[in-house]
Amino acid sequence: MDLIPVIIIESNDNARHHLKKKLEDFNFINIIGDFNNLTAGYSAIIQERPPIVFIDISDNCDLALEIIEKINLQHRSCIIHVTSAENNPDIVIKALRSGAREYLSKPINVADLSKALDKAKMLIYSEHEDGMSGKIFTIFSNKGGIGKTTMAANLALSLAEVTGKRVALLDLNLQLGDITTFLDLTPSFDIAYIAAHLNRIDESFLLSSLEKYKDKDLYVLADPPYLEQGEEITSEQISSVLSIMKSVFSYIVVDTSSSFDSKTLCALDASDSVLLVSMINLPSIRNTQRCLDLFSRLDYSDKKIKLIINRYLPNEEITVEDVEDALGHPVYWKIPNNYFIVMSAINRGMPIVKIDPSSNISQNFYELAALLSNTVLIKGKTAKQLTSHSGAFNFRNIPFLNKLISLGK
C-alpha cells in the first residue's frame, strides 16, 4: 500500500510539532512538508498536490479560508482538514463552505484524527480503484483558418460513436468560439456559468449543464455568449473545469484559440495529447516550427505532441517526408482534402460524418478516433457496432475472417 502524502500548515510551532508526531503514528501517512506560513504552504500544495492537507485557521482566519477556496478550485481532489482552537459554529460553517472536508478542534483528539484519516484513506483509495480519469485531446494551431474547429467537432463525435463512451467537447475559444455553430446547437448554459458555480459541480450538475448532441453520448460546453465573460474566466477556473470533466467523461476534446495566452496554456498543460494542426505549405510549416519550439521549452514530450496534417493531397510539391525533415517531428495523421463536403457540413451546421458517413474524410475521422482511443475498427465499424445486432451478425461476413475460418477446417 502506497503512503499518502500530507502537507501541514500551522503557524504555532508547538501545535505543528504535536500534529506531526500524531500523524507519524499512522503507518499510511507520509508528511512531505510542514509550514508555519499560509502563503508558502499554499504554494507547496499547488506544486506537490498532496491528497491530504491540514490547515490551521486560528491566527488568520480570513486569509486561511481564502486559501482553502483556492486549493479547492485548483486541486479539487485534495481532502482539506481544518484545525482551530475556536469552536464557533459560524467559523465551522464558513470552513466547510470554503471546501474543508473535516473540522478538528484543538487540542486534536487522536480518536477524532483517526476517524478523519480513515475516511480520507477510503475516499482516496476508492477513487484510485474506481474513479474515471478521462483523456484530454486539445486541438491547437497558432494559425487561424486551418481547420481546428472542424477537426474538434468531428473528432469528438467520432470518439463518441467509435468507443460508445461519454465524450465532452469544450470550446475554449472564449471570444470567437464556433463549436455551437458547427453543430447547430443553442445551449442553455456555457463555460462562464460552469466557472461561476464550481463549488456546486458534481456529475449530475455537469451533465445537466452541458448540451447533449442529439442521441449521442457527446456533451458540449460552449463558449460564453458575451465577449466580456470570456475575459473574466481565469486559467485556474479552466484547470478546475478540466479536472472535473476528467472524472465524468472518458474523453474530452478541447478546441482552443490560436493564441498562446494563459488559458490556452492551461489546457495544453492538462492535455494527454496536443493535436497540433498544420498544412503542407511554407507559412503553416513555419508557424508549426514555432509551436514545436515553444512546446520543447515547456518540456512537453514528443509523444504528447501529435502532428496532424489537414487538407492533405498526396501529390503536393512538398511531401510529408519534407515536412518531417524540416520540423524534426513525425507526422501522426493526415486528414484528406475534401473541400465540398467540409463546406457543406459547416454551412448546414452538421458534422461531416453525418453529411456523408462513407466519404473518405468521414472514415478518416473514425479511424483517427479509433487510433487515439485504442479501439479496433473492422471495415469502418467497431467490434461493438458489428455485434450490436447479434442475431444478424456473422463473422463469415468479414472476408478476411471468413478466409481464416475456411483455412482452419
Protein backbone atom coordinates (compact mmCIF):
# COMPACT_ATOMS: atom_id res chain seq x y z
CA MET A 1 0.00 0.00 0.00
CA ASP A 2 1.49 3.34 -1.03
CA LEU A 3 1.93 6.02 1.62
CA ILE A 4 -0.39 9.03 1.36
CA PRO A 5 1.46 12.36 1.08
CA VAL A 6 0.38 15.06 3.59
CA ILE A 7 1.21 18.76 4.00
CA ILE A 8 0.65 20.70 7.24
CA ILE A 9 0.16 24.47 7.58
CA GLU A 10 0.28 25.57 11.24
CA SER A 11 1.76 28.84 12.49
CA ASN A 12 2.23 27.63 16.08
CA ASP A 13 5.48 25.67 16.33
CA ASN A 14 4.37 23.51 19.29
CA ALA A 15 0.99 22.70 17.72
CA ARG A 16 2.67 21.82 14.41
CA HIS A 17 5.18 19.55 16.18
CA HIS A 18 2.41 17.73 18.13
CA LEU A 19 0.31 17.23 14.97
CA LYS A 20 3.34 15.82 13.13
CA LYS A 21 4.02 13.38 15.98
CA LYS A 22 0.41 12.19 15.96
CA LEU A 23 0.36 11.76 12.18
CA GLU A 24 3.62 9.82 12.20
CA ASP A 25 1.88 7.13 14.27
CA PHE A 26 -0.28 6.28 11.24
CA ASN A 27 1.65 3.86 9.02
CA PHE A 28 -0.05 5.00 5.79
CA ILE A 29 0.87 8.70 6.16
CA ASN A 30 3.94 10.41 4.66
CA ILE A 31 4.43 14.04 5.74
CA ILE A 32 6.11 15.71 2.76
CA GLY A 33 6.07 19.26 4.16
CA ASP A 34 5.11 21.40 7.14
CA PHE A 35 4.85 25.19 7.07
CA ASN A 36 4.28 28.00 9.53
CA ASN A 37 3.22 30.36 6.74
CA LEU A 38 -0.07 30.18 4.81
CA THR A 39 1.32 31.55 1.56
CA ALA A 40 4.35 29.24 1.48
CA GLY A 41 2.19 26.26 2.42
CA TYR A 42 -0.33 27.09 -0.31
CA SER A 43 2.43 27.25 -2.94
CA ALA A 44 3.72 23.83 -1.86
CA ILE A 45 0.24 22.31 -2.01
CA ILE A 46 -0.35 23.57 -5.56
CA GLN A 47 3.06 22.31 -6.64
CA GLU A 48 3.08 18.93 -4.86
CA ARG A 49 -0.71 18.26 -4.99
CA PRO A 50 -0.91 16.03 -1.89
CA PRO A 51 -4.19 14.12 -1.36
CA ILE A 52 -4.46 15.35 2.26
CA VAL A 53 -3.65 18.70 3.89
CA PHE A 54 -4.06 20.13 7.37
CA ILE A 55 -4.58 23.89 7.66
CA ASP A 56 -4.90 25.77 10.91
CA ILE A 57 -7.19 28.82 10.75
CA SER A 58 -6.75 30.08 14.32
CA ASP A 59 -4.47 33.07 13.63
CA ASN A 60 -5.55 34.47 10.27
CA CYS A 61 -8.97 33.02 9.62
CA ASP A 62 -9.95 35.15 6.61
CA LEU A 63 -6.72 34.50 4.69
CA ALA A 64 -6.83 30.80 5.59
CA LEU A 65 -10.39 30.45 4.29
CA GLU A 66 -9.44 32.29 1.10
CA ILE A 67 -6.53 29.88 0.58
CA ILE A 68 -8.79 26.88 1.23
CA GLU A 69 -11.12 28.14 -1.51
CA LYS A 70 -8.18 28.46 -3.92
CA ILE A 71 -6.96 24.95 -3.12
CA ASN A 72 -10.48 23.63 -3.66
CA LEU A 73 -10.59 25.29 -7.08
CA GLN A 74 -7.12 24.25 -8.27
CA HIS A 75 -6.76 20.84 -6.60
CA ARG A 76 -10.30 19.54 -6.23
CA SER A 77 -9.34 16.03 -5.16
CA CYS A 78 -7.46 17.40 -2.15
CA ILE A 79 -9.02 16.47 1.21
CA ILE A 80 -8.67 19.52 3.44
CA HIS A 81 -8.70 19.16 7.22
CA VAL A 82 -9.12 22.41 9.13
CA THR A 83 -7.80 22.75 12.68
CA SER A 84 -8.68 25.56 15.09
CA ALA A 85 -8.85 26.45 18.76
CA GLU A 86 -12.21 28.10 18.00
CA ASN A 87 -15.46 26.11 18.19
CA ASN A 88 -17.61 28.91 16.83
CA PRO A 89 -20.37 27.34 14.66
CA ASP A 90 -20.17 30.25 12.19
CA ILE A 91 -16.47 29.59 11.60
CA VAL A 92 -17.09 25.86 11.21
CA ILE A 93 -19.76 26.54 8.56
CA LYS A 94 -17.50 29.02 6.74
CA ALA A 95 -14.65 26.50 6.68
CA LEU A 96 -16.86 23.73 5.29
CA ARG A 97 -18.34 26.07 2.69
CA SER A 98 -14.85 27.09 1.63
CA GLY A 99 -14.07 23.48 0.80
CA ALA A 100 -12.81 21.85 4.02
CA ARG A 101 -13.80 18.21 4.45
CA GLU A 102 -13.19 17.94 8.22
CA TYR A 103 -13.06 20.40 11.13
CA LEU A 104 -10.87 19.31 14.04
CA SER A 105 -10.89 21.23 17.30
CA LYS A 106 -7.62 21.85 19.13
CA PRO A 107 -6.16 20.19 21.05
CA ILE A 108 -6.72 17.45 18.49
CA ASN A 109 -8.18 14.23 19.85
CA VAL A 110 -6.41 11.12 18.50
CA ALA A 111 -9.71 9.28 18.06
CA ASP A 112 -11.15 12.16 16.00
CA LEU A 113 -7.97 12.34 13.94
CA SER A 114 -8.07 8.59 13.32
CA LYS A 115 -11.70 8.75 12.11
CA ALA A 116 -10.93 11.66 9.80
CA LEU A 117 -7.90 9.89 8.32
CA ASP A 118 -9.75 6.60 7.86
CA LYS A 119 -12.49 8.40 5.89
CA ALA A 120 -9.89 10.20 3.81
CA LYS A 121 -7.99 6.96 3.14
CA MET A 122 -11.13 5.16 2.00
CA LEU A 123 -12.03 8.04 -0.30
CA ILE A 124 -8.54 8.24 -1.82
CA TYR A 125 -8.17 4.50 -2.45
CA SER A 126 -11.71 4.15 -3.82
CA GLU A 127 -11.02 6.99 -6.27
CA HIS A 128 -7.81 5.27 -7.40
CA GLU A 129 -9.60 1.97 -7.92
CA ASP A 130 -12.95 3.08 -9.33
CA GLY A 131 -12.61 6.65 -10.40
CA MET A 132 -12.56 7.60 -14.06
CA SER A 133 -9.71 9.64 -15.39
CA GLY A 134 -10.62 10.74 -18.88
CA LYS A 135 -8.13 11.65 -21.58
CA ILE A 136 -7.86 15.21 -22.82
CA PHE A 137 -7.16 15.85 -26.51
CA THR A 138 -6.53 19.53 -27.23
CA ILE A 139 -6.68 20.72 -30.85
CA PHE A 140 -4.24 23.57 -31.41
CA SER A 141 -2.58 25.70 -34.05
CA ASN A 142 -1.15 29.19 -33.77
CA LYS A 143 -2.55 29.91 -37.24
CA GLY A 144 -6.24 30.69 -37.79
CA GLY A 145 -8.38 29.21 -40.56
CA ILE A 146 -6.53 25.91 -40.53
CA GLY A 147 -9.48 23.70 -39.58
CA LYS A 148 -9.17 23.31 -35.79
CA THR A 149 -12.88 23.64 -35.06
CA THR A 150 -13.87 21.30 -37.90
CA MET A 151 -11.44 18.76 -36.53
CA ALA A 152 -12.56 19.20 -32.90
CA ALA A 153 -16.28 18.81 -33.66
CA ASN A 154 -15.88 15.78 -35.93
CA LEU A 155 -13.27 14.05 -33.79
CA ALA A 156 -15.43 14.42 -30.67
CA LEU A 157 -18.48 12.91 -32.38
CA SER A 158 -16.37 10.15 -33.93
CA LEU A 159 -14.93 9.27 -30.50
CA ALA A 160 -18.46 9.02 -29.06
CA GLU A 161 -19.60 6.76 -31.92
CA VAL A 162 -16.47 4.61 -32.16
CA THR A 163 -15.99 3.99 -28.44
CA GLY A 164 -19.59 4.13 -27.21
CA LYS A 165 -18.29 6.11 -24.25
CA ARG A 166 -19.16 9.52 -22.85
CA VAL A 167 -17.30 12.35 -24.62
CA ALA A 168 -17.14 16.09 -23.87
CA LEU A 169 -16.40 18.84 -26.38
CA LEU A 170 -15.14 22.06 -24.79
CA ASP A 171 -14.95 25.34 -26.70
CA LEU A 172 -12.04 27.28 -25.19
CA ASN A 173 -12.02 29.89 -27.93
CA LEU A 174 -13.67 32.10 -25.35
CA GLN A 175 -14.35 35.12 -27.56
CA LEU A 176 -14.72 33.71 -31.06
CA GLY A 177 -15.88 30.14 -30.50
CA ASP A 178 -17.79 28.35 -33.26
CA ILE A 179 -18.47 24.86 -31.92
CA THR A 180 -22.18 25.52 -31.40
CA THR A 181 -22.46 26.92 -34.94
CA PHE A 182 -20.74 23.88 -36.43
CA LEU A 183 -23.17 21.57 -34.59
CA ASP A 184 -26.25 23.83 -34.85
CA LEU A 185 -26.74 23.97 -31.08
CA THR A 186 -28.33 26.62 -28.87
CA PRO A 187 -27.07 25.71 -25.40
CA SER A 188 -28.81 26.80 -22.22
CA PHE A 189 -25.53 27.06 -20.32
CA ASP A 190 -21.89 27.80 -21.13
CA ILE A 191 -18.44 27.70 -19.56
CA ALA A 192 -18.97 31.06 -17.82
CA TYR A 193 -21.94 29.54 -15.96
CA ILE A 194 -19.93 26.43 -15.01
CA ALA A 195 -16.98 28.56 -13.84
CA ALA A 196 -19.29 30.63 -11.62
CA HIS A 197 -20.70 27.50 -9.94
CA LEU A 198 -17.58 25.39 -9.42
CA ASN A 199 -18.40 24.68 -5.79
CA ARG A 200 -21.72 23.09 -6.82
CA ILE A 201 -20.39 20.87 -9.57
CA ASP A 202 -20.85 17.13 -9.44
CA GLU A 203 -21.57 14.60 -12.19
CA SER A 204 -25.30 15.27 -12.23
CA PHE A 205 -24.86 19.06 -12.33
CA LEU A 206 -22.29 18.82 -15.12
CA LEU A 207 -24.35 16.50 -17.32
CA SER A 208 -27.45 18.66 -16.91
CA SER A 209 -25.50 21.86 -17.71
CA LEU A 210 -23.73 20.66 -20.86
CA GLU A 211 -25.66 20.46 -24.13
CA LYS A 212 -26.16 16.87 -25.30
CA TYR A 213 -25.78 16.41 -29.05
CA LYS A 214 -28.89 14.63 -30.35
CA ASP A 215 -28.98 11.00 -29.19
CA LYS A 216 -25.19 10.68 -28.96
CA ASP A 217 -23.00 10.42 -25.87
CA LEU A 218 -21.47 13.77 -26.83
CA TYR A 219 -21.81 16.71 -24.45
CA VAL A 220 -20.86 20.24 -25.50
CA LEU A 221 -19.63 23.01 -23.20
CA ALA A 222 -19.97 26.21 -25.21
CA ASP A 223 -18.02 29.45 -25.18
CA PRO A 224 -19.65 32.43 -23.38
CA PRO A 225 -22.26 34.45 -25.34
CA TYR A 226 -20.65 37.80 -24.42
CA LEU A 227 -17.04 38.82 -25.07
CA GLU A 228 -16.51 40.28 -21.60
CA GLN A 229 -17.48 36.98 -19.96
CA GLY A 230 -14.59 35.30 -21.72
CA GLU A 231 -12.20 37.84 -20.22
CA GLU A 232 -13.49 37.14 -16.71
CA ILE A 233 -12.82 33.40 -16.83
CA THR A 234 -9.47 32.58 -15.20
CA SER A 235 -6.93 29.90 -16.04
CA GLU A 236 -7.49 28.47 -12.53
CA GLN A 237 -11.18 28.01 -13.31
CA ILE A 238 -10.35 26.32 -16.60
CA SER A 239 -7.99 23.97 -14.76
CA SER A 240 -10.78 23.11 -12.32
CA VAL A 241 -13.33 22.54 -15.09
CA LEU A 242 -10.95 20.18 -16.92
CA SER A 243 -10.16 18.31 -13.71
CA ILE A 244 -13.86 17.78 -13.01
CA MET A 245 -14.58 16.74 -16.59
CA LYS A 246 -11.86 14.07 -16.42
CA SER A 247 -13.80 12.38 -13.62
CA VAL A 248 -17.05 12.33 -15.63
CA PHE A 249 -16.05 11.80 -19.28
CA SER A 250 -13.87 9.16 -20.92
CA TYR A 251 -12.60 11.66 -23.49
CA ILE A 252 -12.51 15.47 -23.54
CA VAL A 253 -11.82 17.23 -26.84
CA VAL A 254 -10.79 20.87 -26.44
CA ASP A 255 -10.96 23.49 -29.20
CA THR A 256 -8.72 26.49 -28.49
CA SER A 257 -7.95 29.93 -29.78
CA SER A 258 -4.81 30.45 -31.88
CA SER A 259 -3.01 32.47 -29.21
CA PHE A 260 -0.58 31.32 -26.51
CA ASP A 261 -2.40 33.01 -23.63
CA SER A 262 -2.50 31.64 -20.07
CA LYS A 263 -5.88 29.99 -20.61
CA THR A 264 -4.79 28.11 -23.70
CA LEU A 265 -1.54 27.09 -22.00
CA CYS A 266 -3.58 25.79 -19.07
CA ALA A 267 -5.46 23.44 -21.42
CA LEU A 268 -2.26 22.41 -23.21
CA ASP A 269 -0.56 21.62 -19.89
CA ALA A 270 -3.50 19.47 -18.77
CA SER A 271 -3.73 17.56 -22.05
CA ASP A 272 -2.77 13.95 -22.53
CA SER A 273 -2.21 14.74 -26.22
CA VAL A 274 -1.90 18.01 -28.12
CA LEU A 275 -3.11 17.58 -31.70
CA LEU A 276 -1.06 20.21 -33.48
CA VAL A 277 -2.77 21.03 -36.78
CA SER A 278 -0.79 22.15 -39.81
CA MET A 279 -0.96 22.13 -43.60
CA ILE A 280 1.64 21.45 -46.25
CA ASN A 281 2.67 24.96 -47.22
CA LEU A 282 5.59 27.10 -46.13
CA PRO A 283 3.71 29.59 -43.85
CA SER A 284 2.00 26.73 -41.98
CA ILE A 285 5.23 24.79 -41.60
CA ARG A 286 7.00 27.88 -40.27
CA ASN A 287 4.24 28.50 -37.71
CA THR A 288 4.27 24.85 -36.71
CA GLN A 289 8.01 25.06 -36.06
CA ARG A 290 7.39 27.99 -33.70
CA CYS A 291 4.84 25.89 -31.82
CA LEU A 292 7.20 22.94 -31.54
CA ASP A 293 9.97 25.22 -30.25
CA LEU A 294 7.68 26.53 -27.51
CA PHE A 295 6.45 23.05 -26.60
CA SER A 296 10.07 21.97 -26.27
CA ARG A 297 10.74 24.86 -23.86
CA LEU A 298 7.65 23.81 -21.90
CA ASP A 299 9.16 20.29 -21.61
CA TYR A 300 6.28 18.63 -23.46
CA SER A 301 7.31 15.15 -24.59
CA ASP A 302 7.43 14.28 -28.29
CA LYS A 303 4.78 11.63 -27.59
CA LYS A 304 2.38 14.26 -26.27
CA ILE A 305 2.60 16.34 -29.46
CA LYS A 306 0.76 14.67 -32.34
CA LEU A 307 1.29 16.48 -35.62
CA ILE A 308 -1.81 16.45 -37.83
CA ILE A 309 -1.67 17.44 -41.50
CA ASN A 310 -5.02 18.87 -42.59
CA ARG A 311 -6.27 19.22 -46.19
CA TYR A 312 -3.74 16.66 -47.31
CA LEU A 313 -3.24 15.97 -51.04
CA PRO A 314 -0.88 13.09 -51.89
CA ASN A 315 0.76 14.71 -54.93
CA GLU A 316 1.76 18.08 -53.49
CA GLU A 317 5.12 19.62 -54.33
CA ILE A 318 6.16 19.48 -50.66
CA THR A 319 5.98 15.92 -49.36
CA VAL A 320 5.18 14.64 -45.88
CA GLU A 321 8.80 13.49 -45.62
CA ASP A 322 9.94 17.05 -46.39
CA VAL A 323 7.73 18.34 -43.57
CA GLU A 324 9.07 15.76 -41.10
CA ASP A 325 12.67 16.60 -42.04
CA ALA A 326 12.07 20.34 -41.70
CA LEU A 327 10.33 20.06 -38.33
CA GLY A 328 12.28 17.18 -36.85
CA HIS A 329 8.95 15.70 -35.76
CA PRO A 330 6.92 12.81 -37.21
CA VAL A 331 3.52 13.33 -38.81
CA TYR A 332 0.97 11.45 -36.70
CA TRP A 333 -2.04 11.67 -39.02
CA LYS A 334 -3.17 13.08 -42.37
CA ILE A 335 -6.72 14.36 -42.98
CA PRO A 336 -7.63 14.34 -46.68
CA ASN A 337 -8.71 17.45 -48.54
CA ASN A 338 -12.45 17.28 -49.28
CA TYR A 339 -13.46 20.91 -49.65
CA PHE A 340 -17.04 20.46 -50.83
CA ILE A 341 -18.14 18.07 -48.08
CA VAL A 342 -16.43 20.17 -45.39
CA MET A 343 -18.04 23.42 -46.56
CA SER A 344 -21.43 21.75 -46.90
CA ALA A 345 -21.14 20.48 -43.31
CA ILE A 346 -20.14 23.91 -41.98
CA ASN A 347 -22.91 25.76 -43.83
CA ARG A 348 -25.55 23.25 -42.72
CA GLY A 349 -24.35 23.11 -39.10
CA MET A 350 -23.80 19.38 -39.29
CA PRO A 351 -20.80 17.13 -38.63
CA ILE A 352 -19.04 15.79 -41.72
CA VAL A 353 -19.70 12.24 -40.56
CA LYS A 354 -23.44 12.95 -40.77
CA ILE A 355 -23.33 14.64 -44.19
CA ASP A 356 -21.66 11.63 -45.84
CA PRO A 357 -20.61 8.81 -43.48
CA SER A 358 -18.98 6.86 -46.31
CA SER A 359 -16.77 9.70 -47.58
CA ASN A 360 -13.00 9.45 -47.29
CA ILE A 361 -12.86 12.27 -44.73
CA SER A 362 -15.63 10.75 -42.55
CA GLN A 363 -13.84 7.41 -42.48
CA ASN A 364 -10.62 9.26 -41.74
CA PHE A 365 -12.10 10.82 -38.59
CA TYR A 366 -13.45 7.44 -37.45
CA GLU A 367 -10.00 5.91 -37.95
CA LEU A 368 -8.31 8.75 -36.06
CA ALA A 369 -10.78 8.33 -33.18
CA ALA A 370 -10.06 4.59 -33.13
CA LEU A 371 -6.31 5.20 -33.06
CA LEU A 372 -6.50 7.73 -30.22
CA SER A 373 -8.83 5.52 -28.17
CA ASN A 374 -7.12 2.19 -28.96
CA THR A 375 -10.36 0.89 -30.46
CA VAL A 376 -10.30 -1.80 -33.15
CA LEU A 377 -12.15 -0.97 -36.38
CA ILE A 378 -13.35 -3.71 -38.74
CA LYS A 379 -14.46 -2.43 -42.14
CA GLY A 380 -15.03 1.00 -40.66
CA LYS A 381 -17.02 -0.31 -37.67
CA THR A 382 -16.03 -1.24 -34.14
CA ALA A 383 -16.50 -4.77 -32.89
CA LYS A 384 -19.19 -3.35 -30.59
CA GLN A 385 -21.11 -1.86 -33.52
CA LEU A 386 -20.78 -5.06 -35.54
CA THR A 387 -22.12 -7.23 -32.72
CA SER A 388 -24.90 -4.87 -31.59
CA HIS A 389 -27.37 -6.86 -33.72
CA SER A 390 -26.12 -10.27 -32.70
CA GLY A 391 -28.88 -12.17 -34.47
CA ALA A 392 -27.89 -10.79 -37.87
CA PHE A 393 -24.13 -10.71 -37.42
CA ASN A 394 -21.90 -13.48 -38.67
CA PHE A 395 -18.10 -13.40 -38.60
CA ARG A 396 -18.19 -15.04 -42.05
CA ASN A 397 -19.50 -11.73 -43.41
CA ILE A 398 -15.99 -10.29 -42.89
CA PRO A 399 -13.94 -11.55 -45.86
CA PHE A 400 -10.55 -11.96 -44.21
CA LEU A 401 -12.05 -13.70 -41.15
CA ASN A 402 -14.11 -16.00 -43.37
CA LYS A 403 -10.89 -16.96 -45.16
CA LEU A 404 -9.21 -17.77 -41.85
CA ILE A 405 -12.18 -19.89 -40.76
CA SER A 406 -12.11 -21.78 -44.05
CA LEU A 407 -8.38 -22.44 -43.74
CA GLY A 408 -8.92 -23.82 -40.28
CA LYS A 409 -11.32 -26.52 -41.49
